[in-house]
């Protein structure tokens, strides 16, 4: 569990802090770490980069790139999406 936390840059002081006392970004990192541990078969992510510090975006992108299940991802951050292996894209802006 600690190695997963460390992979999301969650330090030991954050591990021992109550969730309610964390910043929104820290809560997001904890949620992503929890998803890695739970290994769900389907992820539905709507703007997963909201409230996340820009330094943490590559960490989250790497975790999503390594995810082996099905994923529905909505994002307005193309630089983030480019870091993730995508098998099929539905672009609603295209005619």
C-alpha atoms as a PDB file:
ATOM      1  CA  UNK A   1       0.000   0.000   0.000  1.00  0.00           C
ATOM      2  CA  UNK A   2       2.841   2.386   0.814  1.00  0.00           C
ATOM      3  CA  UNK A   3       4.511   1.792  -2.553  1.00  0.00           C
ATOM      4  CA  UNK A   4       1.252   2.644  -4.351  1.00  0.00           C
ATOM      5  CA  UNK A   5       0.930   5.780  -2.226  1.00  0.00           C
ATOM      6  CA  UNK A   6       4.521   6.714  -3.023  1.00  0.00           C
ATOM      7  CA  UNK A   7       3.888   6.236  -6.739  1.00  0.00           C
ATOM      8  CA  UNK A   8       1.260   8.996  -6.426  1.00  0.00           C
ATOM      9  CA  UNK A   9       3.699  11.217  -4.511  1.00  0.00           C
ATOM     10  CA  UNK A  10       1.708  10.724  -1.309  1.00  0.00           C
ATOM     11  CA  UNK A  11       4.181  11.245   1.512  1.00  0.00           C
ATOM     12  CA  UNK A  12       4.126   9.684   4.957  1.00  0.00           C
ATOM     13  CA  UNK A  13       2.730  12.859   6.515  1.00  0.00           C
ATOM     14  CA  UNK A  14      -0.222  12.754   4.104  1.00  0.00           C
ATOM     15  CA  UNK A  15      -0.831   9.053   4.828  1.00  0.00           C
ATOM     16  CA  UNK A  16      -1.388   9.871   8.499  1.00  0.00           C
ATOM     17  CA  UNK A  17      -3.689  12.850   7.823  1.00  0.00           C
ATOM     18  CA  UNK A  18      -7.475  12.557   7.911  1.00  0.00           C
ATOM     19  CA  UNK A  19      -9.037  12.866   4.462  1.00  0.00           C
ATOM     20  CA  UNK A  20     -11.088  15.907   5.513  1.00  0.00           C
ATOM     21  CA  UNK A  21      -7.882  17.823   6.273  1.00  0.00           C
ATOM     22  CA  UNK A  22      -6.292  17.199   2.847  1.00  0.00           C
ATOM     23  CA  UNK A  23      -6.343  19.652  -0.039  1.00  0.00           C
ATOM     24  CA  UNK A  24      -8.573  18.867  -3.017  1.00  0.00           C
ATOM     25  CA  UNK A  25      -5.511  17.815  -5.004  1.00  0.00           C
ATOM     26  CA  UNK A  26      -4.304  15.493  -2.257  1.00  0.00           C
ATOM     27  CA  UNK A  27      -7.781  13.960  -2.031  1.00  0.00           C
ATOM     28  CA  UNK A  28      -7.627  13.334  -5.782  1.00  0.00           C
ATOM     29  CA  UNK A  29      -4.266  11.599  -5.492  1.00  0.00           C
ATOM     30  CA  UNK A  30      -5.567   9.414  -2.667  1.00  0.00           C
ATOM     31  CA  UNK A  31      -8.608   8.520  -4.800  1.00  0.00           C
ATOM     32  CA  UNK A  32      -6.368   7.492  -7.716  1.00  0.00           C
ATOM     33  CA  UNK A  33      -4.191   5.409  -5.392  1.00  0.00           C
ATOM     34  CA  UNK A  34      -7.332   3.716  -4.080  1.00  0.00           C
ATOM     35  CA  UNK A  35      -8.410   2.887  -7.645  1.00  0.00           C
ATOM     36  CA  UNK A  36      -5.041   1.280  -8.336  1.00  0.00           C
ATOM     37  CA  UNK A  37      -5.415  -0.874  -5.234  1.00  0.00           C
ATOM     38  CA  UNK A  38      -9.040  -1.849  -6.000  1.00  0.00           C
ATOM     39  CA  UNK A  39      -8.381  -2.664  -9.693  1.00  0.00           C
ATOM     40  CA  UNK A  40     -11.898  -2.005 -11.015  1.00  0.00           C
ATOM     41  CA  UNK A  41     -12.844  -3.360 -14.442  1.00  0.00           C
ATOM     42  CA  UNK A  42     -14.216  -0.010 -15.635  1.00  0.00           C
ATOM     43  CA  UNK A  43     -13.187   3.569 -14.947  1.00  0.00           C
ATOM     44  CA  UNK A  44     -15.433   6.492 -15.826  1.00  0.00           C
ATOM     45  CA  UNK A  45     -13.428   9.685 -15.412  1.00  0.00           C
ATOM     46  CA  UNK A  46     -14.900  13.138 -15.963  1.00  0.00           C
ATOM     47  CA  UNK A  47     -12.139  15.753 -15.939  1.00  0.00           C
ATOM     48  CA  UNK A  48      -9.735  13.797 -13.717  1.00  0.00           C
ATOM     49  CA  UNK A  49      -7.213  16.635 -13.840  1.00  0.00           C
ATOM     50  CA  UNK A  50      -9.429  19.120 -11.994  1.00  0.00           C
ATOM     51  CA  UNK A  51      -7.879  20.326  -8.721  1.00  0.00           C
ATOM     52  CA  UNK A  52      -4.697  18.343  -9.425  1.00  0.00           C
ATOM     53  CA  UNK A  53      -1.336  20.090  -9.242  1.00  0.00           C
ATOM     54  CA  UNK A  54       0.339  20.182 -12.666  1.00  0.00           C
ATOM     55  CA  UNK A  55       3.362  18.334 -11.211  1.00  0.00           C
ATOM     56  CA  UNK A  56       1.119  15.355 -10.434  1.00  0.00           C
ATOM     57  CA  UNK A  57      -0.454  15.050 -13.892  1.00  0.00           C
ATOM     58  CA  UNK A  58       2.305  12.793 -15.310  1.00  0.00           C
ATOM     59  CA  UNK A  59       1.908  10.470 -12.314  1.00  0.00           C
ATOM     60  CA  UNK A  60      -1.828  10.126 -12.908  1.00  0.00           C
ATOM     61  CA  UNK A  61      -1.339   9.761 -16.664  1.00  0.00           C
ATOM     62  CA  UNK A  62       1.173   6.958 -16.084  1.00  0.00           C
ATOM     63  CA  UNK A  63      -1.256   5.113 -13.797  1.00  0.00           C
ATOM     64  CA  UNK A  64      -4.062   5.438 -16.355  1.00  0.00           C
ATOM     65  CA  UNK A  65      -1.724   4.372 -19.165  1.00  0.00           C
ATOM     66  CA  UNK A  66      -0.907   1.188 -17.239  1.00  0.00           C
ATOM     67  CA  UNK A  67      -4.570   0.510 -16.378  1.00  0.00           C
ATOM     68  CA  UNK A  68      -5.736  -2.743 -17.976  1.00  0.00           C
ATOM     69  CA  UNK A  69      -9.515  -2.378 -17.802  1.00  0.00           C
ATOM     70  CA  UNK A  70     -11.995  -0.368 -19.849  1.00  0.00           C
ATOM     71  CA  UNK A  71     -11.974   3.393 -19.420  1.00  0.00           C
ATOM     72  CA  UNK A  72     -14.248   6.241 -20.413  1.00  0.00           C
ATOM     73  CA  UNK A  73     -12.267   9.465 -20.090  1.00  0.00           C
ATOM     74  CA  UNK A  74     -13.557  12.998 -20.585  1.00  0.00           C
ATOM     75  CA  UNK A  75     -10.875  15.677 -20.562  1.00  0.00           C
ATOM     76  CA  UNK A  76     -10.201  19.116 -21.991  1.00  0.00           C
ATOM     77  CA  UNK A  77      -6.450  18.772 -21.430  1.00  0.00           C
ATOM     78  CA  UNK A  78      -5.001  17.262 -24.622  1.00  0.00           C
ATOM     79  CA  UNK A  79      -1.446  17.196 -23.202  1.00  0.00           C
ATOM     80  CA  UNK A  80      -2.707  14.918 -20.415  1.00  0.00           C
ATOM     81  CA  UNK A  81      -4.659  12.625 -22.748  1.00  0.00           C
ATOM     82  CA  UNK A  82      -1.662  12.213 -25.090  1.00  0.00           C
ATOM     83  CA  UNK A  83       0.206  10.487 -22.259  1.00  0.00           C
ATOM     84  CA  UNK A  84      -2.418   7.728 -21.991  1.00  0.00           C
ATOM     85  CA  UNK A  85      -2.772   4.736 -24.310  1.00  0.00           C
ATOM     86  CA  UNK A  86      -6.120   5.197 -26.034  1.00  0.00           C
ATOM     87  CA  UNK A  87      -7.530   2.438 -28.245  1.00  0.00           C
ATOM     88  CA  UNK A  88     -10.621   4.309 -29.466  1.00  0.00           C
ATOM     89  CA  UNK A  89     -11.597   7.976 -29.388  1.00  0.00           C
ATOM     90  CA  UNK A  90     -15.033   9.568 -29.653  1.00  0.00           C
ATOM     91  CA  UNK A  91     -14.472  13.244 -30.420  1.00  0.00           C
ATOM     92  CA  UNK A  92     -17.763  15.099 -30.130  1.00  0.00           C
ATOM     93  CA  UNK A  93     -16.343  18.190 -31.847  1.00  0.00           C
ATOM     94  CA  UNK A  94     -15.830  16.386 -35.145  1.00  0.00           C
ATOM     95  CA  UNK A  95     -18.686  16.359 -37.654  1.00  0.00           C
END
